[in-house]
């Protein structure tokens, strides 16, 4: 009696499995897999029905049982082989999708840097000379006799023009750091640290074992932007009094270590809602690098960025937008 009940349960289970196999026929590329499974489940269910007939006085012939077993074995075996091919296809499709996402992200980042360089060039070569001319003209006016009221207006105007020039140089450098372009990653970060130190009452220290090494443009620009983003986030949000950066190269791995003694935060929450951490993570992923950040309330934060520079071409040419900007600045100086 127990075997009879189990046969009924097996028949029901096989029809349920066949139902799900029918649903999967249109859901995937390899429809033949599920068709083979459907055939196997149907034949298996028929065999169980015939076996159930034994209890009702209708024994199943041995030859029929053998043929049923052969059909079931062939269908399920071939279906499993094709199912393995389906998993290989899905894995290849996922790898292709990830590669495509990284290519799109890299293209976006390069387009962003070209736009920054172009905008920086227009500011530096377009608005800069106009403000410089205005300053020269105002300086020439200083030789003329002026009463106290006009002298005060003149001094204020000259101060505003000088501040505009200083702001213009700072904006232009932030958009497209010429030190990074001309002298490399270590000098670019050190220059940014020095400028930030002059503007904030925070102790910033930077150590590196890099000298004049140059790497692929994407690596240098992204590592520079990551360092700037981390420092800017700490200065704006952490309330820290000390920031430490260390940039080192060991073999083929370029590593940036960062820490501050600020108030700390929940890294996962900040990754989801802002502070530029998701942007940093996306940039590092575009280089197939590693980004690890650790922080807790009241204990500051530490971050480590690792990028493998193997195969990265030495910089023999600059990006086109920067190349077009530099000769015009040199021509003007001559």
C-alpha atoms as a PDB file:
ATOM      1  CA  UNK A   1       0.000   0.000   0.000  1.00  0.00           C
ATOM      2  CA  UNK A   2       2.864   2.359   0.802  1.00  0.00           C
ATOM      3  CA  UNK A   3       4.490   1.757  -2.596  1.00  0.00           C
ATOM      4  CA  UNK A   4       1.163   2.408  -4.303  1.00  0.00           C
ATOM      5  CA  UNK A   5       0.845   5.770  -2.557  1.00  0.00           C
ATOM      6  CA  UNK A   6       4.436   6.658  -3.418  1.00  0.00           C
ATOM      7  CA  UNK A   7       3.766   5.861  -7.094  1.00  0.00           C
ATOM      8  CA  UNK A   8       0.819   8.274  -7.087  1.00  0.00           C
ATOM      9  CA  UNK A   9       3.009  10.952  -5.469  1.00  0.00           C
ATOM     10  CA  UNK A  10       5.789  10.323  -8.027  1.00  0.00           C
ATOM     11  CA  UNK A  11       3.334  10.706 -10.924  1.00  0.00           C
ATOM     12  CA  UNK A  12       2.060  14.009  -9.504  1.00  0.00           C
ATOM     13  CA  UNK A  13       5.619  15.322  -8.955  1.00  0.00           C
ATOM     14  CA  UNK A  14       6.650  14.404 -12.506  1.00  0.00           C
ATOM     15  CA  UNK A  15       3.660  16.235 -14.000  1.00  0.00           C
ATOM     16  CA  UNK A  16       4.485  19.293 -11.875  1.00  0.00           C
ATOM     17  CA  UNK A  17       8.095  19.150 -13.128  1.00  0.00           C
ATOM     18  CA  UNK A  18       6.811  18.815 -16.694  1.00  0.00           C
ATOM     19  CA  UNK A  19       4.659  21.928 -16.188  1.00  0.00           C
ATOM     20  CA  UNK A  20       7.692  23.987 -15.160  1.00  0.00           C
ATOM     21  CA  UNK A  21       9.700  22.580 -18.074  1.00  0.00           C
ATOM     22  CA  UNK A  22       6.928  23.713 -20.449  1.00  0.00           C
ATOM     23  CA  UNK A  23       7.109  27.214 -18.955  1.00  0.00           C
ATOM     24  CA  UNK A  24      10.877  27.312 -19.516  1.00  0.00           C
ATOM     25  CA  UNK A  25      10.578  26.424 -23.216  1.00  0.00           C
ATOM     26  CA  UNK A  26       9.982  30.053 -24.196  1.00  0.00           C
ATOM     27  CA  UNK A  27      12.120  31.581 -21.453  1.00  0.00           C
ATOM     28  CA  UNK A  28      15.572  30.548 -22.710  1.00  0.00           C
ATOM     29  CA  UNK A  29      17.530  30.234 -25.919  1.00  0.00           C
ATOM     30  CA  UNK A  30      18.011  26.450 -25.677  1.00  0.00           C
ATOM     31  CA  UNK A  31      14.373  25.292 -26.001  1.00  0.00           C
ATOM     32  CA  UNK A  32      15.447  21.765 -26.959  1.00  0.00           C
ATOM     33  CA  UNK A  33      16.748  21.204 -23.409  1.00  0.00           C
ATOM     34  CA  UNK A  34      13.337  21.629 -21.869  1.00  0.00           C
ATOM     35  CA  UNK A  35      11.651  19.676 -24.673  1.00  0.00           C
ATOM     36  CA  UNK A  36      13.922  16.718 -23.881  1.00  0.00           C
ATOM     37  CA  UNK A  37      13.114  17.052 -20.182  1.00  0.00           C
ATOM     38  CA  UNK A  38       9.383  17.213 -20.994  1.00  0.00           C
ATOM     39  CA  UNK A  39       9.637  14.009 -23.045  1.00  0.00           C
ATOM     40  CA  UNK A  40      11.606  12.349 -20.256  1.00  0.00           C
ATOM     41  CA  UNK A  41       9.079  13.374 -17.583  1.00  0.00           C
ATOM     42  CA  UNK A  42       6.121  12.233 -19.733  1.00  0.00           C
ATOM     43  CA  UNK A  43       7.692   8.839 -20.425  1.00  0.00           C
ATOM     44  CA  UNK A  44       8.629   8.520 -16.756  1.00  0.00           C
ATOM     45  CA  UNK A  45       5.071   9.342 -15.712  1.00  0.00           C
ATOM     46  CA  UNK A  46       3.680   6.781 -18.201  1.00  0.00           C
ATOM     47  CA  UNK A  47       6.067   4.174 -16.809  1.00  0.00           C
ATOM     48  CA  UNK A  48       4.872   4.902 -13.277  1.00  0.00           C
ATOM     49  CA  UNK A  49       1.239   4.576 -14.435  1.00  0.00           C
ATOM     50  CA  UNK A  50       2.032   1.205 -15.981  1.00  0.00           C
ATOM     51  CA  UNK A  51       3.829   0.161 -12.821  1.00  0.00           C
ATOM     52  CA  UNK A  52       0.760   1.230 -10.868  1.00  0.00           C
ATOM     53  CA  UNK A  53      -1.247  -1.153 -13.073  1.00  0.00           C
ATOM     54  CA  UNK A  54       0.466  -4.070 -11.356  1.00  0.00           C
ATOM     55  CA  UNK A  55      -1.685  -3.396  -8.308  1.00  0.00           C
ATOM     56  CA  UNK A  56      -4.809  -3.524 -10.492  1.00  0.00           C
ATOM     57  CA  UNK A  57      -3.941  -6.794 -12.225  1.00  0.00           C
ATOM     58  CA  UNK A  58      -2.271  -5.408 -15.403  1.00  0.00           C
ATOM     59  CA  UNK A  59       1.453  -6.228 -15.216  1.00  0.00           C
ATOM     60  CA  UNK A  60       3.823  -4.183 -17.445  1.00  0.00           C
ATOM     61  CA  UNK A  61       5.835  -6.191 -20.033  1.00  0.00           C
ATOM     62  CA  UNK A  62       9.576  -6.305 -19.408  1.00  0.00           C
ATOM     63  CA  UNK A  63      10.376  -5.064 -22.947  1.00  0.00           C
ATOM     64  CA  UNK A  64       8.242  -1.963 -22.446  1.00  0.00           C
ATOM     65  CA  UNK A  65      10.001  -1.218 -19.166  1.00  0.00           C
ATOM     66  CA  UNK A  66      13.410  -1.494 -20.857  1.00  0.00           C
ATOM     67  CA  UNK A  67      12.400   0.806 -23.713  1.00  0.00           C
ATOM     68  CA  UNK A  68      10.949   3.332 -21.295  1.00  0.00           C
ATOM     69  CA  UNK A  69      14.194   3.311 -19.312  1.00  0.00           C
ATOM     70  CA  UNK A  70      16.266   3.785 -22.480  1.00  0.00           C
ATOM     71  CA  UNK A  71      14.153   6.739 -23.665  1.00  0.00           C
ATOM     72  CA  UNK A  72      14.261   8.361 -20.230  1.00  0.00           C
ATOM     73  CA  UNK A  73      18.038   7.900 -19.936  1.00  0.00           C
ATOM     74  CA  UNK A  74      18.690   9.332 -23.386  1.00  0.00           C
ATOM     75  CA  UNK A  75      16.424  12.361 -22.894  1.00  0.00           C
ATOM     76  CA  UNK A  76      17.762  13.246 -19.454  1.00  0.00           C
ATOM     77  CA  UNK A  77      21.419  12.618 -20.392  1.00  0.00           C
ATOM     78  CA  UNK A  78      21.277  14.710 -23.564  1.00  0.00           C
ATOM     79  CA  UNK A  79      19.290  17.362 -21.699  1.00  0.00           C
ATOM     80  CA  UNK A  80      21.961  17.585 -18.981  1.00  0.00           C
ATOM     81  CA  UNK A  81      24.720  17.979 -21.578  1.00  0.00           C
ATOM     82  CA  UNK A  82      22.794  20.785 -23.268  1.00  0.00           C
ATOM     83  CA  UNK A  83      22.015  22.333 -19.879  1.00  0.00           C
ATOM     84  CA  UNK A  84      25.748  22.539 -19.228  1.00  0.00           C
ATOM     85  CA  UNK A  85      26.120  24.343 -22.562  1.00  0.00           C
ATOM     86  CA  UNK A  86      23.380  26.730 -21.459  1.00  0.00           C
ATOM     87  CA  UNK A  87      25.301  27.610 -18.292  1.00  0.00           C
ATOM     88  CA  UNK A  88      28.471  28.167 -20.333  1.00  0.00           C
ATOM     89  CA  UNK A  89      26.508  30.456 -22.662  1.00  0.00           C
ATOM     90  CA  UNK A  90      25.057  32.421 -19.713  1.00  0.00           C
ATOM     91  CA  UNK A  91      28.500  32.797 -18.136  1.00  0.00           C
ATOM     92  CA  UNK A  92      29.967  34.014 -21.438  1.00  0.00           C
ATOM     93  CA  UNK A  93      27.074  36.438 -21.848  1.00  0.00           C
ATOM     94  CA  UNK A  94      27.632  37.825 -18.329  1.00  0.00           C
ATOM     95  CA  UNK A  95      31.350  38.297 -19.009  1.00  0.00           C
ATOM     96  CA  UNK A  96      30.557  40.076 -22.260  1.00  0.00           C
ATOM     97  CA  UNK A  97      28.053  42.309 -20.472  1.00  0.00           C
ATOM     98  CA  UNK A  98      30.553  43.190 -17.743  1.00  0.00           C
ATOM     99  CA  UNK A  99      33.203  43.958 -20.347  1.00  0.00           C
ATOM    100  CA  UNK A 100      30.742  46.135 -22.254  1.00  0.00           C
ATOM    101  CA  UNK A 101      29.790  47.992 -19.048  1.00  0.00           C
ATOM    102  CA  UNK A 102      33.458  48.674 -18.308  1.00  0.00           C
ATOM    103  CA  UNK A 103      34.063  49.894 -21.849  1.00  0.00           C
ATOM    104  CA  UNK A 104      31.080  52.235 -21.615  1.00  0.00           C
ATOM    105  CA  UNK A 105      32.274  53.521 -18.229  1.00  0.00           C
ATOM    106  CA  UNK A 106      35.800  54.036 -19.571  1.00  0.00           C
ATOM    107  CA  UNK A 107      34.427  55.916 -22.580  1.00  0.00           C
ATOM    108  CA  UNK A 108      32.323  58.120 -20.288  1.00  0.00           C
ATOM    109  CA  UNK A 109      35.313  58.886 -18.049  1.00  0.00           C
ATOM    110  CA  UNK A 110      37.513  59.711 -21.051  1.00  0.00           C
ATOM    111  CA  UNK A 111      34.825  61.955 -22.515  1.00  0.00           C
ATOM    112  CA  UNK A 112      34.518  63.671 -19.126  1.00  0.00           C
ATOM    113  CA  UNK A 113      38.275  64.301 -18.969  1.00  0.00           C
ATOM    114  CA  UNK A 114      38.312  65.623 -22.550  1.00  0.00           C
ATOM    115  CA  UNK A 115      35.467  67.982 -21.694  1.00  0.00           C
ATOM    116  CA  UNK A 116      37.311  69.143 -18.578  1.00  0.00           C
ATOM    117  CA  UNK A 117      40.498  69.746 -20.593  1.00  0.00           C
ATOM    118  CA  UNK A 118      38.617  71.646 -23.307  1.00  0.00           C
ATOM    119  CA  UNK A 119      36.750  73.806 -20.790  1.00  0.00           C
ATOM    120  CA  UNK A 120      39.988  74.457 -18.881  1.00  0.00           C
ATOM    121  CA  UNK A 121      41.726  75.542 -22.099  1.00  0.00           C
ATOM    122  CA  UNK A 122      38.895  77.902 -23.010  1.00  0.00           C
ATOM    123  CA  UNK A 123      38.971  79.483 -19.564  1.00  0.00           C
ATOM    124  CA  UNK A 124      42.752  79.775 -19.476  1.00  0.00           C
ATOM    125  CA  UNK A 125      43.276  80.968 -23.051  1.00  0.00           C
ATOM    126  CA  UNK A 126      40.051  82.925 -23.464  1.00  0.00           C
ATOM    127  CA  UNK A 127      39.002  84.594 -20.233  1.00  0.00           C
ATOM    128  CA  UNK A 128      42.500  84.686 -18.718  1.00  0.00           C
ATOM    129  CA  UNK A 129      44.037  87.147 -21.197  1.00  0.00           C
ATOM    130  CA  UNK A 130      41.008  89.455 -20.896  1.00  0.00           C
ATOM    131  CA  UNK A 131      41.360  89.656 -17.117  1.00  0.00           C
ATOM    132  CA  UNK A 132      45.122  90.109 -17.443  1.00  0.00           C
ATOM    133  CA  UNK A 133      44.541  92.995 -19.860  1.00  0.00           C
ATOM    134  CA  UNK A 134      42.072  94.541 -17.443  1.00  0.00           C
ATOM    135  CA  UNK A 135      44.639  94.294 -14.647  1.00  0.00           C
ATOM    136  CA  UNK A 136      47.343  95.906 -16.832  1.00  0.00           C
ATOM    137  CA  UNK A 137      45.008  98.754 -17.703  1.00  0.00           C
ATOM    138  CA  UNK A 138      44.114  99.286 -14.067  1.00  0.00           C
ATOM    139  CA  UNK A 139      47.787  99.258 -13.120  1.00  0.00           C
ATOM    140  CA  UNK A 140      48.415 101.952 -15.733  1.00  0.00           C
ATOM    141  CA  UNK A 141      45.653 104.042 -14.171  1.00  0.00           C
ATOM    142  CA  UNK A 142      47.386 103.870 -10.789  1.00  0.00           C
ATOM    143  CA  UNK A 143      49.985 106.352 -12.081  1.00  0.00           C
ATOM    144  CA  UNK A 144      47.364 109.075 -12.469  1.00  0.00           C
ATOM    145  CA  UNK A 145      46.330 111.439  -9.718  1.00  0.00           C
ATOM    146  CA  UNK A 146      43.135 110.341  -7.896  1.00  0.00           C
ATOM    147  CA  UNK A 147      41.295 111.688  -4.907  1.00  0.00           C
ATOM    148  CA  UNK A 148      40.665 109.476  -1.882  1.00  0.00           C
ATOM    149  CA  UNK A 149      37.210 108.305  -2.994  1.00  0.00           C
ATOM    150  CA  UNK A 150      38.367 107.322  -6.486  1.00  0.00           C
ATOM    151  CA  UNK A 151      41.491 105.706  -5.069  1.00  0.00           C
ATOM    152  CA  UNK A 152      39.314 103.484  -2.886  1.00  0.00           C
ATOM    153  CA  UNK A 153      37.138 102.499  -5.875  1.00  0.00           C
ATOM    154  CA  UNK A 154      40.288 101.802  -7.900  1.00  0.00           C
ATOM    155  CA  UNK A 155      41.804  99.591  -5.182  1.00  0.00           C
ATOM    156  CA  UNK A 156      38.585  97.614  -4.814  1.00  0.00           C
ATOM    157  CA  UNK A 157      38.346  97.095  -8.574  1.00  0.00           C
ATOM    158  CA  UNK A 158      41.962  95.957  -8.784  1.00  0.00           C
ATOM    159  CA  UNK A 159      41.410  93.554  -5.903  1.00  0.00           C
ATOM    160  CA  UNK A 160      38.337  92.066  -7.601  1.00  0.00           C
ATOM    161  CA  UNK A 161      40.259  91.554 -10.869  1.00  0.00           C
ATOM    162  CA  UNK A 162      43.174  89.887  -9.025  1.00  0.00           C
ATOM    163  CA  UNK A 163      40.762  87.593  -7.159  1.00  0.00           C
ATOM    164  CA  UNK A 164      39.050  86.734 -10.453  1.00  0.00           C
ATOM    165  CA  UNK A 165      42.429  85.806 -11.965  1.00  0.00           C
ATOM    166  CA  UNK A 166      43.319  83.669  -8.950  1.00  0.00           C
ATOM    167  CA  UNK A 167      39.937  81.913  -9.032  1.00  0.00           C
ATOM    168  CA  UNK A 168      40.273  81.372 -12.765  1.00  0.00           C
ATOM    169  CA  UNK A 169      43.671  79.711 -12.365  1.00  0.00           C
ATOM    170  CA  UNK A 170      42.344  77.520  -9.568  1.00  0.00           C
ATOM    171  CA  UNK A 171      39.247  76.469 -11.509  1.00  0.00           C
ATOM    172  CA  UNK A 172      41.311  75.777 -14.630  1.00  0.00           C
ATOM    173  CA  UNK A 173      43.774  73.667 -12.659  1.00  0.00           C
ATOM    174  CA  UNK A 174      41.009  71.705 -10.937  1.00  0.00           C
ATOM    175  CA  UNK A 175      39.357  70.957 -14.250  1.00  0.00           C
ATOM    176  CA  UNK A 176      42.556  69.782 -15.938  1.00  0.00           C
ATOM    177  CA  UNK A 177      45.633  69.648 -13.672  1.00  0.00           C
ATOM    178  CA  UNK A 178      48.608  70.624 -15.833  1.00  0.00           C
ATOM    179  CA  UNK A 179      51.095  69.336 -13.242  1.00  0.00           C
ATOM    180  CA  UNK A 180      49.583  65.860 -13.580  1.00  0.00           C
ATOM    181  CA  UNK A 181      49.763  66.080 -17.356  1.00  0.00           C
ATOM    182  CA  UNK A 182      53.350  67.330 -17.455  1.00  0.00           C
ATOM    183  CA  UNK A 183      55.038  65.667 -14.470  1.00  0.00           C
ATOM    184  CA  UNK A 184      53.023  62.612 -13.516  1.00  0.00           C
ATOM    185  CA  UNK A 185      50.827  61.225 -10.770  1.00  0.00           C
ATOM    186  CA  UNK A 186      53.039  61.799  -7.716  1.00  0.00           C
ATOM    187  CA  UNK A 187      53.699  65.455  -8.545  1.00  0.00           C
ATOM    188  CA  UNK A 188      50.037  66.005  -9.372  1.00  0.00           C
ATOM    189  CA  UNK A 189      48.828  64.658  -6.010  1.00  0.00           C
ATOM    190  CA  UNK A 190      51.570  66.514  -4.112  1.00  0.00           C
ATOM    191  CA  UNK A 191      50.577  69.773  -5.804  1.00  0.00           C
ATOM    192  CA  UNK A 192      46.920  69.201  -4.878  1.00  0.00           C
ATOM    193  CA  UNK A 193      47.899  68.452  -1.267  1.00  0.00           C
ATOM    194  CA  UNK A 194      49.948  71.659  -1.031  1.00  0.00           C
ATOM    195  CA  UNK A 195      47.101  73.768  -2.389  1.00  0.00           C
ATOM    196  CA  UNK A 196      44.592  72.129  -0.022  1.00  0.00           C
ATOM    197  CA  UNK A 197      46.964  72.605   2.923  1.00  0.00           C
ATOM    198  CA  UNK A 198      47.128  76.328   2.237  1.00  0.00           C
ATOM    199  CA  UNK A 199      43.343  76.650   2.256  1.00  0.00           C
ATOM    200  CA  UNK A 200      42.407  74.500   5.274  1.00  0.00           C
ATOM    201  CA  UNK A 201      43.538  74.246   8.875  1.00  0.00           C
ATOM    202  CA  UNK A 202      44.138  70.496   8.565  1.00  0.00           C
ATOM    203  CA  UNK A 203      47.444  68.637   8.642  1.00  0.00           C
ATOM    204  CA  UNK A 204      47.933  66.817   5.330  1.00  0.00           C
ATOM    205  CA  UNK A 205      50.865  64.495   4.739  1.00  0.00           C
ATOM    206  CA  UNK A 206      51.811  62.685   1.546  1.00  0.00           C
ATOM    207  CA  UNK A 207      54.494  60.006   1.078  1.00  0.00           C
ATOM    208  CA  UNK A 208      55.451  58.158  -2.095  1.00  0.00           C
ATOM    209  CA  UNK A 209      58.198  56.016  -3.567  1.00  0.00           C
ATOM    210  CA  UNK A 210      57.379  57.130  -7.118  1.00  0.00           C
ATOM    211  CA  UNK A 211      59.898  59.304  -8.904  1.00  0.00           C
ATOM    212  CA  UNK A 212      59.396  60.113 -12.568  1.00  0.00           C
ATOM    213  CA  UNK A 213      57.418  56.967 -13.475  1.00  0.00           C
ATOM    214  CA  UNK A 214      54.614  57.515 -15.938  1.00  0.00           C
ATOM    215  CA  UNK A 215      51.685  55.200 -16.552  1.00  0.00           C
ATOM    216  CA  UNK A 216      48.701  54.938 -18.815  1.00  0.00           C
ATOM    217  CA  UNK A 217      46.694  58.171 -18.969  1.00  0.00           C
ATOM    218  CA  UNK A 218      43.537  56.516 -17.623  1.00  0.00           C
ATOM    219  CA  UNK A 219      45.406  55.147 -14.595  1.00  0.00           C
ATOM    220  CA  UNK A 220      47.030  58.475 -13.743  1.00  0.00           C
ATOM    221  CA  UNK A 221      43.876  60.536 -14.172  1.00  0.00           C
ATOM    222  CA  UNK A 222      41.622  58.135 -12.248  1.00  0.00           C
ATOM    223  CA  UNK A 223      44.075  57.679  -9.358  1.00  0.00           C
ATOM    224  CA  UNK A 224      44.474  61.464  -9.164  1.00  0.00           C
ATOM    225  CA  UNK A 225      40.700  62.021  -9.160  1.00  0.00           C
ATOM    226  CA  UNK A 226      40.258  59.342  -6.481  1.00  0.00           C
ATOM    227  CA  UNK A 227      42.870  60.972  -4.234  1.00  0.00           C
ATOM    228  CA  UNK A 228      41.259  64.398  -4.720  1.00  0.00           C
ATOM    229  CA  UNK A 229      37.778  63.011  -4.025  1.00  0.00           C
ATOM    230  CA  UNK A 230      38.889  61.331  -0.801  1.00  0.00           C
ATOM    231  CA  UNK A 231      40.648  64.463   0.466  1.00  0.00           C
ATOM    232  CA  UNK A 232      37.718  66.704  -0.483  1.00  0.00           C
ATOM    233  CA  UNK A 233      35.217  64.405   1.261  1.00  0.00           C
ATOM    234  CA  UNK A 234      37.279  64.405   4.456  1.00  0.00           C
ATOM    235  CA  UNK A 235      37.709  68.184   4.444  1.00  0.00           C
ATOM    236  CA  UNK A 236      33.997  68.760   3.872  1.00  0.00           C
ATOM    237  CA  UNK A 237      32.340  66.085   5.977  1.00  0.00           C
ATOM    238  CA  UNK A 238      34.638  64.366   8.477  1.00  0.00           C
ATOM    239  CA  UNK A 239      35.731  67.215  10.759  1.00  0.00           C
ATOM    240  CA  UNK A 240      39.207  65.696  10.823  1.00  0.00           C
ATOM    241  CA  UNK A 241      42.420  67.385  11.929  1.00  0.00           C
ATOM    242  CA  UNK A 242      44.833  65.102  10.064  1.00  0.00           C
ATOM    243  CA  UNK A 243      44.882  63.355   6.684  1.00  0.00           C
ATOM    244  CA  UNK A 244      47.528  60.896   5.512  1.00  0.00           C
ATOM    245  CA  UNK A 245      48.157  59.671   1.960  1.00  0.00           C
ATOM    246  CA  UNK A 246      50.736  57.167   0.736  1.00  0.00           C
ATOM    247  CA  UNK A 247      51.255  56.291  -2.917  1.00  0.00           C
ATOM    248  CA  UNK A 248      53.525  53.359  -3.708  1.00  0.00           C
ATOM    249  CA  UNK A 249      54.419  51.005  -6.519  1.00  0.00           C
ATOM    250  CA  UNK A 250      55.410  47.398  -5.773  1.00  0.00           C
ATOM    251  CA  UNK A 251      55.980  45.282  -8.850  1.00  0.00           C
ATOM    252  CA  UNK A 252      52.972  45.833 -11.074  1.00  0.00           C
ATOM    253  CA  UNK A 253      50.632  47.047  -8.318  1.00  0.00           C
ATOM    254  CA  UNK A 254      50.080  50.752  -7.798  1.00  0.00           C
ATOM    255  CA  UNK A 255      48.630  51.300  -4.320  1.00  0.00           C
ATOM    256  CA  UNK A 256      47.093  54.353  -2.688  1.00  0.00           C
ATOM    257  CA  UNK A 257      46.601  54.253   1.096  1.00  0.00           C
ATOM    258  CA  UNK A 258      44.454  56.937   2.687  1.00  0.00           C
ATOM    259  CA  UNK A 259      43.353  57.693   6.248  1.00  0.00           C
ATOM    260  CA  UNK A 260      41.885  60.495   8.334  1.00  0.00           C
ATOM    261  CA  UNK A 261      41.008  60.904  12.026  1.00  0.00           C
ATOM    262  CA  UNK A 262      37.522  62.302  11.466  1.00  0.00           C
ATOM    263  CA  UNK A 263      34.175  61.361  12.959  1.00  0.00           C
ATOM    264  CA  UNK A 264      33.754  58.287  10.755  1.00  0.00           C
ATOM    265  CA  UNK A 265      30.640  56.942   9.038  1.00  0.00           C
ATOM    266  CA  UNK A 266      28.897  53.821   7.738  1.00  0.00           C
ATOM    267  CA  UNK A 267      30.703  52.991   4.455  1.00  0.00           C
ATOM    268  CA  UNK A 268      27.837  50.964   2.989  1.00  0.00           C
ATOM    269  CA  UNK A 269      25.273  53.686   3.672  1.00  0.00           C
ATOM    270  CA  UNK A 270      27.537  56.341   2.179  1.00  0.00           C
ATOM    271  CA  UNK A 271      28.224  54.126  -0.847  1.00  0.00           C
ATOM    272  CA  UNK A 272      24.487  54.077  -1.519  1.00  0.00           C
ATOM    273  CA  UNK A 273      23.644  57.723  -0.850  1.00  0.00           C
ATOM    274  CA  UNK A 274      26.590  59.872  -1.769  1.00  0.00           C
ATOM    275  CA  UNK A 275      29.877  61.439  -0.665  1.00  0.00           C
ATOM    276  CA  UNK A 276      31.345  60.406  -4.007  1.00  0.00           C
ATOM    277  CA  UNK A 277      32.233  56.882  -2.823  1.00  0.00           C
ATOM    278  CA  UNK A 278      30.121  55.199  -5.480  1.00  0.00           C
ATOM    279  CA  UNK A 279      31.824  57.398  -8.080  1.00  0.00           C
ATOM    280  CA  UNK A 280      35.240  56.348  -6.744  1.00  0.00           C
ATOM    281  CA  UNK A 281      34.211  52.696  -6.829  1.00  0.00           C
ATOM    282  CA  UNK A 282      33.031  53.007 -10.438  1.00  0.00           C
ATOM    283  CA  UNK A 283      36.284  54.660 -11.510  1.00  0.00           C
ATOM    284  CA  UNK A 284      38.410  51.957  -9.858  1.00  0.00           C
ATOM    285  CA  UNK A 285      36.251  49.201 -11.363  1.00  0.00           C
ATOM    286  CA  UNK A 286      36.895  50.631 -14.814  1.00  0.00           C
ATOM    287  CA  UNK A 287      40.597  49.808 -14.215  1.00  0.00           C
ATOM    288  CA  UNK A 288      39.813  46.332 -12.801  1.00  0.00           C
ATOM    289  CA  UNK A 289      41.253  47.625  -9.536  1.00  0.00           C
ATOM    290  CA  UNK A 290      40.370  47.064  -5.885  1.00  0.00           C
ATOM    291  CA  UNK A 291      38.779  49.628  -3.587  1.00  0.00           C
ATOM    292  CA  UNK A 292      38.489  48.842   0.114  1.00  0.00           C
ATOM    293  CA  UNK A 293      37.141  51.375   2.600  1.00  0.00           C
ATOM    294  CA  UNK A 294      36.734  50.935   6.350  1.00  0.00           C
ATOM    295  CA  UNK A 295      35.233  53.315   8.858  1.00  0.00           C
ATOM    296  CA  UNK A 296      33.188  53.444  12.040  1.00  0.00           C
ATOM    297  CA  UNK A 297      31.655  56.166  14.168  1.00  0.00           C
ATOM    298  CA  UNK A 298      34.299  58.181  16.003  1.00  0.00           C
ATOM    299  CA  UNK A 299      37.248  56.241  14.568  1.00  0.00           C
ATOM    300  CA  UNK A 300      37.957  57.987  11.297  1.00  0.00           C
ATOM    301  CA  UNK A 301      38.295  56.109   8.039  1.00  0.00           C
ATOM    302  CA  UNK A 302      40.890  54.243   6.000  1.00  0.00           C
ATOM    303  CA  UNK A 303      40.801  53.453   2.294  1.00  0.00           C
ATOM    304  CA  UNK A 304      43.033  51.363   0.069  1.00  0.00           C
ATOM    305  CA  UNK A 305      43.098  51.478  -3.719  1.00  0.00           C
ATOM    306  CA  UNK A 306      45.077  48.932  -5.732  1.00  0.00           C
ATOM    307  CA  UNK A 307      45.508  48.950  -9.506  1.00  0.00           C
ATOM    308  CA  UNK A 308      47.559  46.543 -11.568  1.00  0.00           C
ATOM    309  CA  UNK A 309      49.527  48.583 -14.107  1.00  0.00           C
ATOM    310  CA  UNK A 310      50.834  45.602 -16.069  1.00  0.00           C
ATOM    311  CA  UNK A 311      50.598  46.277 -19.778  1.00  0.00           C
ATOM    312  CA  UNK A 312      49.950  49.984 -19.229  1.00  0.00           C
ATOM    313  CA  UNK A 313      51.707  51.961 -21.942  1.00  0.00           C
ATOM    314  CA  UNK A 314      54.166  54.649 -20.940  1.00  0.00           C
ATOM    315  CA  UNK A 315      52.884  58.083 -21.768  1.00  0.00           C
ATOM    316  CA  UNK A 316      54.338  59.067 -25.109  1.00  0.00           C
ATOM    317  CA  UNK A 317      51.419  61.261 -26.129  1.00  0.00           C
ATOM    318  CA  UNK A 318      48.892  63.321 -24.244  1.00  0.00           C
ATOM    319  CA  UNK A 319      45.129  63.280 -24.786  1.00  0.00           C
ATOM    320  CA  UNK A 320      44.132  65.286 -27.831  1.00  0.00           C
ATOM    321  CA  UNK A 321      42.250  67.951 -25.855  1.00  0.00           C
ATOM    322  CA  UNK A 322      45.308  68.625 -23.708  1.00  0.00           C
ATOM    323  CA  UNK A 323      47.685  68.546 -26.651  1.00  0.00           C
ATOM    324  CA  UNK A 324      45.668  71.231 -28.375  1.00  0.00           C
ATOM    325  CA  UNK A 325      45.630  73.396 -25.273  1.00  0.00           C
ATOM    326  CA  UNK A 326      49.330  73.392 -24.411  1.00  0.00           C
ATOM    327  CA  UNK A 327      50.911  74.861 -27.607  1.00  0.00           C
ATOM    328  CA  UNK A 328      48.650  77.893 -27.448  1.00  0.00           C
ATOM    329  CA  UNK A 329      49.765  78.643 -23.882  1.00  0.00           C
ATOM    330  CA  UNK A 330      53.434  78.307 -24.892  1.00  0.00           C
ATOM    331  CA  UNK A 331      52.970  80.518 -27.953  1.00  0.00           C
ATOM    332  CA  UNK A 332      51.419  83.223 -25.810  1.00  0.00           C
ATOM    333  CA  UNK A 333      54.305  83.131 -23.330  1.00  0.00           C
ATOM    334  CA  UNK A 334      56.870  83.498 -26.118  1.00  0.00           C
END
